[in-house]
Structure formats: C-alpha cells, structure tokens
Amino acid sequence: MVPKPQRTILGKVSSYAEEAAAYMRRRRITRTPFARVHYRGGRVVAYPPDTEAGRALFRAAANVIDAAREPGAPAT
C-alpha cells in the first residue's frame, strides 16, 4: 500500500527538524564565549573570557546591555 502524500511530506519535515535540533545541541556544547574586536586595517582578534582583555570587554558589553534595559533608554 502506498503511503499518503501528506504523510511523506510530514515525515521529511520532521526529519529535517530533528536534524536541525541535533545540530543546535552539538553547536551549543562545543561553543565557548569570546569577544571579537575588529581593528582598523582589517585585523580581527577574538578575546576569550579568561584573559584580562576578555573580562574587560565582557564587563563593558554587560554594562551596555544593562543601560539599554533601563527605562527611558533610547531604542535602537
């Protein structure tokens, strides 16, 4: 007996969704936070949070986010 067409499509969509969820889980496990800085001239440096520069950049980013959350802060 041939399966109904909508079941075949539903099976494919479900399969793609499961693969996407598994990819996101794997990515989340291996991903580590960093702060990326782009300098003039094209140089790009990624600072991990366990360095002094990385800690300073993470603190500065947290302060910017907190300031944006305050009432009366300008919308971006």
PDB file of N, CA and C in Angstrom:
ATOM      1  N   MET A   1       0.842  -1.178   0.000  1.00  0.00           N
ATOM      2  CA  MET A   1       0.000   0.000   0.000  1.00  0.00           C
ATOM      3  C   MET A   1       0.891   1.246   0.000  1.00  0.00           C
ATOM      4  N   VAL A   2       0.594   2.191  -0.825  1.00  0.00           N
ATOM      5  CA  VAL A   2       1.369   3.418  -0.971  1.00  0.00           C
ATOM      6  C   VAL A   2       0.960   4.390   0.143  1.00  0.00           C
ATOM      7  N   PRO A   3       1.968   4.992   0.849  1.00  0.00           N
ATOM      8  CA  PRO A   3       1.607   5.954   1.899  1.00  0.00           C
ATOM      9  C   PRO A   3       0.960   7.204   1.309  1.00  0.00           C
ATOM     10  N   LYS A   4       0.158   7.835   2.107  1.00  0.00           N
ATOM     11  CA  LYS A   4      -0.495   9.068   1.663  1.00  0.00           C
ATOM     12  C   LYS A   4       0.566  10.165   1.485  1.00  0.00           C
ATOM     13  N   PRO A   5       0.422  11.025   0.456  1.00  0.00           N
ATOM     14  CA  PRO A   5       1.455  12.043   0.174  1.00  0.00           C
ATOM     15  C   PRO A   5       1.735  12.981   1.345  1.00  0.00           C
ATOM     16  N   GLN A   6       0.699  13.396   2.075  1.00  0.00           N
ATOM     17  CA  GLN A   6       0.940  14.330   3.171  1.00  0.00           C
ATOM     18  C   GLN A   6       1.771  13.690   4.285  1.00  0.00           C
ATOM     19  N   ARG A   7       1.673  12.365   4.450  1.00  0.00           N
ATOM     20  CA  ARG A   7       2.480  11.694   5.473  1.00  0.00           C
ATOM     21  C   ARG A   7       3.944  11.658   5.067  1.00  0.00           C
ATOM     22  N   THR A   8       4.208  11.511   3.795  1.00  0.00           N
ATOM     23  CA  THR A   8       5.590  11.526   3.310  1.00  0.00           C
ATOM     24  C   THR A   8       6.203  12.903   3.538  1.00  0.00           C
ATOM     25  N   ILE A   9       5.482  13.936   3.219  1.00  0.00           N
ATOM     26  CA  ILE A   9       5.977  15.305   3.422  1.00  0.00           C
ATOM     27  C   ILE A   9       6.169  15.573   4.910  1.00  0.00           C
ATOM     28  N   LEU A  10       5.207  15.169   5.736  1.00  0.00           N
ATOM     29  CA  LEU A  10       5.324  15.369   7.185  1.00  0.00           C
ATOM     30  C   LEU A  10       6.537  14.630   7.729  1.00  0.00           C
ATOM     31  N   GLY A  11       6.791  13.436   7.237  1.00  0.00           N
ATOM     32  CA  GLY A  11       7.964  12.670   7.668  1.00  0.00           C
ATOM     33  C   GLY A  11       9.258  13.374   7.314  1.00  0.00           C
ATOM     34  N   LYS A  12       9.327  13.948   6.120  1.00  0.00           N
ATOM     35  CA  LYS A  12      10.539  14.668   5.706  1.00  0.00           C
ATOM     36  C   LYS A  12      10.753  15.918   6.544  1.00  0.00           C
ATOM     37  N   VAL A  13       9.686  16.674   6.777  1.00  0.00           N
ATOM     38  CA  VAL A  13       9.801  17.897   7.579  1.00  0.00           C
ATOM     39  C   VAL A  13      10.225  17.545   8.998  1.00  0.00           C
ATOM     40  N   SER A  14       9.643  16.500   9.562  1.00  0.00           N
ATOM     41  CA  SER A  14      10.014  16.071  10.913  1.00  0.00           C
ATOM     42  C   SER A  14      11.481  15.660  10.959  1.00  0.00           C
ATOM     43  N   SER A  15      11.929  14.966   9.944  1.00  0.00           N
ATOM     44  CA  SER A  15      13.324  14.539   9.886  1.00  0.00           C
ATOM     45  C   SER A  15      14.266  15.740   9.831  1.00  0.00           C
ATOM     46  N   TYR A  16      13.918  16.731   9.003  1.00  0.00           N
ATOM     47  CA  TYR A  16      14.750  17.938   8.927  1.00  0.00           C
ATOM     48  C   TYR A  16      14.764  18.689  10.256  1.00  0.00           C
ATOM     49  N   ALA A  17      13.629  18.756  10.924  1.00  0.00           N
ATOM     50  CA  ALA A  17      13.557  19.450  12.212  1.00  0.00           C
ATOM     51  C   ALA A  17      14.407  18.726  13.262  1.00  0.00           C
ATOM     52  N   GLU A  18      14.373  17.406  13.260  1.00  0.00           N
ATOM     53  CA  GLU A  18      15.193  16.640  14.210  1.00  0.00           C
ATOM     54  C   GLU A  18      16.677  16.853  13.953  1.00  0.00           C
ATOM     55  N   GLU A  19      17.069  16.870  12.685  1.00  0.00           N
ATOM     56  CA  GLU A  19      18.472  17.116  12.338  1.00  0.00           C
ATOM     57  C   GLU A  19      18.912  18.519  12.764  1.00  0.00           C
ATOM     58  N   ALA A  20      18.054  19.506  12.558  1.00  0.00           N
ATOM     59  CA  ALA A  20      18.381  20.880  12.954  1.00  0.00           C
ATOM     60  C   ALA A  20      18.527  20.986  14.467  1.00  0.00           C
ATOM     61  N   ALA A  21      17.646  20.334  15.214  1.00  0.00           N
ATOM     62  CA  ALA A  21      17.728  20.365  16.676  1.00  0.00           C
ATOM     63  C   ALA A  21      19.014  19.701  17.156  1.00  0.00           C
ATOM     64  N   ALA A  22      19.382  18.579  16.545  1.00  0.00           N
ATOM     65  CA  ALA A  22      20.620  17.900  16.930  1.00  0.00           C
ATOM     66  C   ALA A  22      21.834  18.774  16.617  1.00  0.00           C
ATOM     67  N   TYR A  23      21.824  19.453  15.478  1.00  0.00           N
ATOM     68  CA  TYR A  23      22.919  20.350  15.118  1.00  0.00           C
ATOM     69  C   TYR A  23      23.060  21.470  16.150  1.00  0.00           C
ATOM     70  N   MET A  24      21.944  22.057  16.553  1.00  0.00           N
ATOM     71  CA  MET A  24      21.999  23.147  17.534  1.00  0.00           C
ATOM     72  C   MET A  24      22.498  22.650  18.889  1.00  0.00           C
ATOM     73  N   ARG A  25      22.115  21.440  19.278  1.00  0.00           N
ATOM     74  CA  ARG A  25      22.623  20.889  20.542  1.00  0.00           C
ATOM     75  C   ARG A  25      24.132  20.693  20.474  1.00  0.00           C
ATOM     76  N   ARG A  26      24.615  20.135  19.372  1.00  0.00           N
ATOM     77  CA  ARG A  26      26.063  19.925  19.237  1.00  0.00           C
ATOM     78  C   ARG A  26      26.805  21.253  19.224  1.00  0.00           C
ATOM     79  N   ARG A  27      26.258  22.224  18.544  1.00  0.00           N
ATOM     80  CA  ARG A  27      26.906  23.532  18.457  1.00  0.00           C
ATOM     81  C   ARG A  27      26.959  24.211  19.819  1.00  0.00           C
ATOM     82  N   ARG A  28      25.890  24.091  20.589  1.00  0.00           N
ATOM     83  CA  ARG A  28      25.825  24.722  21.901  1.00  0.00           C
ATOM     84  C   ARG A  28      26.846  24.098  22.846  1.00  0.00           C
ATOM     85  N   ILE A  29      27.086  22.792  22.735  1.00  0.00           N
ATOM     86  CA  ILE A  29      28.024  22.097  23.613  1.00  0.00           C
ATOM     87  C   ILE A  29      29.454  22.545  23.334  1.00  0.00           C
ATOM     88  N   THR A  30      29.819  22.693  22.061  1.00  0.00           N
ATOM     89  CA  THR A  30      31.205  22.993  21.708  1.00  0.00           C
ATOM     90  C   THR A  30      31.511  24.483  21.682  1.00  0.00           C
ATOM     91  N   ARG A  31      30.502  25.317  21.730  1.00  0.00           N
ATOM     92  CA  ARG A  31      30.717  26.759  21.603  1.00  0.00           C
ATOM     93  C   ARG A  31      31.191  27.358  22.924  1.00  0.00           C
ATOM     94  N   THR A  32      32.193  28.200  22.866  1.00  0.00           N
ATOM     95  CA  THR A  32      32.674  28.916  24.044  1.00  0.00           C
ATOM     96  C   THR A  32      32.547  30.413  23.783  1.00  0.00           C
ATOM     97  N   PRO A  33      32.262  31.200  24.815  1.00  0.00           N
ATOM     98  CA  PRO A  33      32.094  32.638  24.599  1.00  0.00           C
ATOM     99  C   PRO A  33      33.430  33.319  24.294  1.00  0.00           C
ATOM    100  N   PHE A  34      33.369  34.373  23.528  1.00  0.00           N
ATOM    101  CA  PHE A  34      34.547  35.177  23.229  1.00  0.00           C
ATOM    102  C   PHE A  34      34.072  36.564  22.820  1.00  0.00           C
ATOM    103  N   ALA A  35      34.984  37.501  22.867  1.00  0.00           N
ATOM    104  CA  ALA A  35      34.698  38.863  22.411  1.00  0.00           C
ATOM    105  C   ALA A  35      35.578  39.123  21.199  1.00  0.00           C
ATOM    106  N   ARG A  36      34.951  39.424  20.077  1.00  0.00           N
ATOM    107  CA  ARG A  36      35.698  39.657  18.838  1.00  0.00           C
ATOM    108  C   ARG A  36      35.798  41.165  18.603  1.00  0.00           C
ATOM    109  N   VAL A  37      37.014  41.616  18.359  1.00  0.00           N
ATOM    110  CA  VAL A  37      37.271  43.037  18.123  1.00  0.00           C
ATOM    111  C   VAL A  37      37.873  43.195  16.733  1.00  0.00           C
ATOM    112  N   HIS A  38      37.284  44.100  15.955  1.00  0.00           N
ATOM    113  CA  HIS A  38      37.781  44.406  14.615  1.00  0.00           C
ATOM    114  C   HIS A  38      38.549  45.729  14.685  1.00  0.00           C
ATOM    115  N   TYR A  39      39.820  45.690  14.322  1.00  0.00           N
ATOM    116  CA  TYR A  39      40.660  46.878  14.341  1.00  0.00           C
ATOM    117  C   TYR A  39      40.740  47.485  12.941  1.00  0.00           C
ATOM    118  N   ARG A  40      41.122  48.751  12.886  1.00  0.00           N
ATOM    119  CA  ARG A  40      41.371  49.377  11.589  1.00  0.00           C
ATOM    120  C   ARG A  40      42.487  48.624  10.898  1.00  0.00           C
ATOM    121  N   GLY A  41      42.395  48.552   9.618  1.00  0.00           N
ATOM    122  CA  GLY A  41      43.399  47.818   8.873  1.00  0.00           C
ATOM    123  C   GLY A  41      42.997  46.373   8.622  1.00  0.00           C
ATOM    124  N   GLY A  42      41.860  45.941   9.187  1.00  0.00           N
ATOM    125  CA  GLY A  42      41.351  44.605   8.909  1.00  0.00           C
ATOM    126  C   GLY A  42      41.734  43.528   9.901  1.00  0.00           C
ATOM    127  N   ARG A  43      42.536  43.861  10.901  1.00  0.00           N
ATOM    128  CA  ARG A  43      42.918  42.847  11.884  1.00  0.00           C
ATOM    129  C   ARG A  43      41.740  42.533  12.792  1.00  0.00           C
ATOM    130  N   VAL A  44      41.515  41.241  13.061  1.00  0.00           N
ATOM    131  CA  VAL A  44      40.425  40.792  13.923  1.00  0.00           C
ATOM    132  C   VAL A  44      41.022  39.906  15.015  1.00  0.00           C
ATOM    133  N   VAL A  45      40.654  40.195  16.271  1.00  0.00           N
ATOM    134  CA  VAL A  45      41.159  39.419  17.400  1.00  0.00           C
ATOM    135  C   VAL A  45      39.979  38.942  18.230  1.00  0.00           C
ATOM    136  N   ALA A  46      39.982  37.655  18.605  1.00  0.00           N
ATOM    137  CA  ALA A  46      38.957  37.091  19.482  1.00  0.00           C
ATOM    138  C   ALA A  46      39.576  36.914  20.868  1.00  0.00           C
ATOM    139  N   TYR A  47      38.987  37.576  21.862  1.00  0.00           N
ATOM    140  CA  TYR A  47      39.497  37.507  23.226  1.00  0.00           C
ATOM    141  C   TYR A  47      38.637  36.540  24.042  1.00  0.00           C
ATOM    142  N   PRO A  48      39.216  35.457  24.574  1.00  0.00           N
ATOM    143  CA  PRO A  48      38.436  34.553  25.422  1.00  0.00           C
ATOM    144  C   PRO A  48      38.159  35.211  26.778  1.00  0.00           C
ATOM    145  N   PRO A  49      37.135  34.754  27.500  1.00  0.00           N
ATOM    146  CA  PRO A  49      36.765  35.406  28.764  1.00  0.00           C
ATOM    147  C   PRO A  49      37.759  35.179  29.899  1.00  0.00           C
ATOM    148  N   ASP A  50      38.720  34.269  29.724  1.00  0.00           N
ATOM    149  CA  ASP A  50      39.668  34.022  30.808  1.00  0.00           C
ATOM    150  C   ASP A  50      40.913  34.908  30.719  1.00  0.00           C
ATOM    151  N   THR A  51      40.926  35.861  29.779  1.00  0.00           N
ATOM    152  CA  THR A  51      42.025  36.824  29.705  1.00  0.00           C
ATOM    153  C   THR A  51      41.559  38.151  30.305  1.00  0.00           C
ATOM    154  N   GLU A  52      42.489  38.991  30.672  1.00  0.00           N
ATOM    155  CA  GLU A  52      42.138  40.290  31.265  1.00  0.00           C
ATOM    156  C   GLU A  52      41.373  41.144  30.260  1.00  0.00           C
ATOM    157  N   ALA A  53      41.832  41.168  29.009  1.00  0.00           N
ATOM    158  CA  ALA A  53      41.139  41.951  27.979  1.00  0.00           C
ATOM    159  C   ALA A  53      39.735  41.386  27.739  1.00  0.00           C
ATOM    160  N   GLY A  54      39.606  40.075  27.728  1.00  0.00           N
ATOM    161  CA  GLY A  54      38.302  39.452  27.536  1.00  0.00           C
ATOM    162  C   GLY A  54      37.333  39.799  28.658  1.00  0.00           C
ATOM    163  N   ARG A  55      37.815  39.746  29.902  1.00  0.00           N
ATOM    164  CA  ARG A  55      36.959  40.104  31.053  1.00  0.00           C
ATOM    165  C   ARG A  55      36.507  41.550  30.957  1.00  0.00           C
ATOM    166  N   ALA A  56      37.426  42.446  30.573  1.00  0.00           N
ATOM    167  CA  ALA A  56      37.071  43.869  30.447  1.00  0.00           C
ATOM    168  C   ALA A  56      36.028  44.067  29.348  1.00  0.00           C
ATOM    169  N   LEU A  57      36.180  43.378  28.220  1.00  0.00           N
ATOM    170  CA  LEU A  57      35.213  43.507  27.135  1.00  0.00           C
ATOM    171  C   LEU A  57      33.848  42.948  27.527  1.00  0.00           C
ATOM    172  N   PHE A  58      33.829  41.816  28.240  1.00  0.00           N
ATOM    173  CA  PHE A  58      32.559  41.245  28.693  1.00  0.00           C
ATOM    174  C   PHE A  58      31.861  42.162  29.691  1.00  0.00           C
ATOM    175  N   ARG A  59      32.645  42.790  30.590  1.00  0.00           N
ATOM    176  CA  ARG A  59      32.050  43.740  31.554  1.00  0.00           C
ATOM    177  C   ARG A  59      31.462  44.933  30.818  1.00  0.00           C
ATOM    178  N   ALA A  60      32.203  45.452  29.850  1.00  0.00           N
ATOM    179  CA  ALA A  60      31.713  46.605  29.081  1.00  0.00           C
ATOM    180  C   ALA A  60      30.440  46.251  28.313  1.00  0.00           C
ATOM    181  N   ALA A  61      30.393  45.060  27.719  1.00  0.00           N
ATOM    182  CA  ALA A  61      29.198  44.637  26.991  1.00  0.00           C
ATOM    183  C   ALA A  61      28.014  44.484  27.935  1.00  0.00           C
ATOM    184  N   ALA A  62      28.249  43.933  29.121  1.00  0.00           N
ATOM    185  CA  ALA A  62      27.169  43.787  30.106  1.00  0.00           C
ATOM    186  C   ALA A  62      26.642  45.150  30.526  1.00  0.00           C
ATOM    187  N   ASN A  63      27.529  46.138  30.689  1.00  0.00           N
ATOM    188  CA  ASN A  63      27.097  47.491  31.061  1.00  0.00           C
ATOM    189  C   ASN A  63      26.256  48.128  29.960  1.00  0.00           C
ATOM    190  N   VAL A  64      26.625  47.912  28.710  1.00  0.00           N
ATOM    191  CA  VAL A  64      25.849  48.456  27.587  1.00  0.00           C
ATOM    192  C   VAL A  64      24.458  47.818  27.554  1.00  0.00           C
ATOM    193  N   ILE A  65      24.399  46.502  27.752  1.00  0.00           N
ATOM    194  CA  ILE A  65      23.106  45.808  27.754  1.00  0.00           C
ATOM    195  C   ILE A  65      22.243  46.291  28.912  1.00  0.00           C
ATOM    196  N   ASP A  66      22.839  46.435  30.089  1.00  0.00           N
ATOM    197  CA  ASP A  66      22.084  46.940  31.245  1.00  0.00           C
ATOM    198  C   ASP A  66      21.567  48.348  31.015  1.00  0.00           C
ATOM    199  N   ALA A  67      22.380  49.194  30.399  1.00  0.00           N
ATOM    200  CA  ALA A  67      21.966  50.572  30.138  1.00  0.00           C
ATOM    201  C   ALA A  67      20.805  50.587  29.150  1.00  0.00           C
ATOM    202  N   ALA A  68      20.814  49.685  28.195  1.00  0.00           N
ATOM    203  CA  ALA A  68      19.735  49.637  27.205  1.00  0.00           C
ATOM    204  C   ALA A  68      18.444  49.151  27.817  1.00  0.00           C
ATOM    205  N   ARG A  69      18.512  48.376  28.878  1.00  0.00           N
ATOM    206  CA  ARG A  69      17.319  47.840  29.537  1.00  0.00           C
ATOM    207  C   ARG A  69      16.662  48.843  30.480  1.00  0.00           C
ATOM    208  N   GLU A  70      17.386  49.871  30.867  1.00  0.00           N
ATOM    209  CA  GLU A  70      16.856  50.856  31.815  1.00  0.00           C
ATOM    210  C   GLU A  70      15.709  51.636  31.177  1.00  0.00           C
ATOM    211  N   PRO A  71      14.698  51.960  31.971  1.00  0.00           N
ATOM    212  CA  PRO A  71      13.595  52.761  31.422  1.00  0.00           C
ATOM    213  C   PRO A  71      14.101  54.108  30.926  1.00  0.00           C
ATOM    214  N   GLY A  72      13.560  54.536  29.813  1.00  0.00           N
ATOM    215  CA  GLY A  72      13.958  55.817  29.247  1.00  0.00           C
ATOM    216  C   GLY A  72      15.188  55.750  28.371  1.00  0.00           C
ATOM    217  N   ALA A  73      15.755  54.536  28.233  1.00  0.00           N
ATOM    218  CA  ALA A  73      16.930  54.397  27.357  1.00  0.00           C
ATOM    219  C   ALA A  73      16.488  54.522  25.905  1.00  0.00           C
ATOM    220  N   PRO A  74      17.318  55.101  25.074  1.00  0.00           N
ATOM    221  CA  PRO A  74      16.927  55.243  23.656  1.00  0.00           C
ATOM    222  C   PRO A  74      16.801  53.882  22.991  1.00  0.00           C
ATOM    223  N   ALA A  75      15.804  53.728  22.137  1.00  0.00           N
ATOM    224  CA  ALA A  75      15.605  52.474  21.408  1.00  0.00           C
ATOM    225  C   ALA A  75      16.569  52.408  20.252  1.00  0.00           C
ATOM    226  N   THR A  76      17.028  51.200  19.951  1.00  0.00           N
ATOM    227  CA  THR A  76      17.953  51.029  18.821  1.00  0.00           C
ATOM    228  C   THR A  76      17.251  50.404  17.652  1.00  0.00           C
TER     229      THR A  76
END
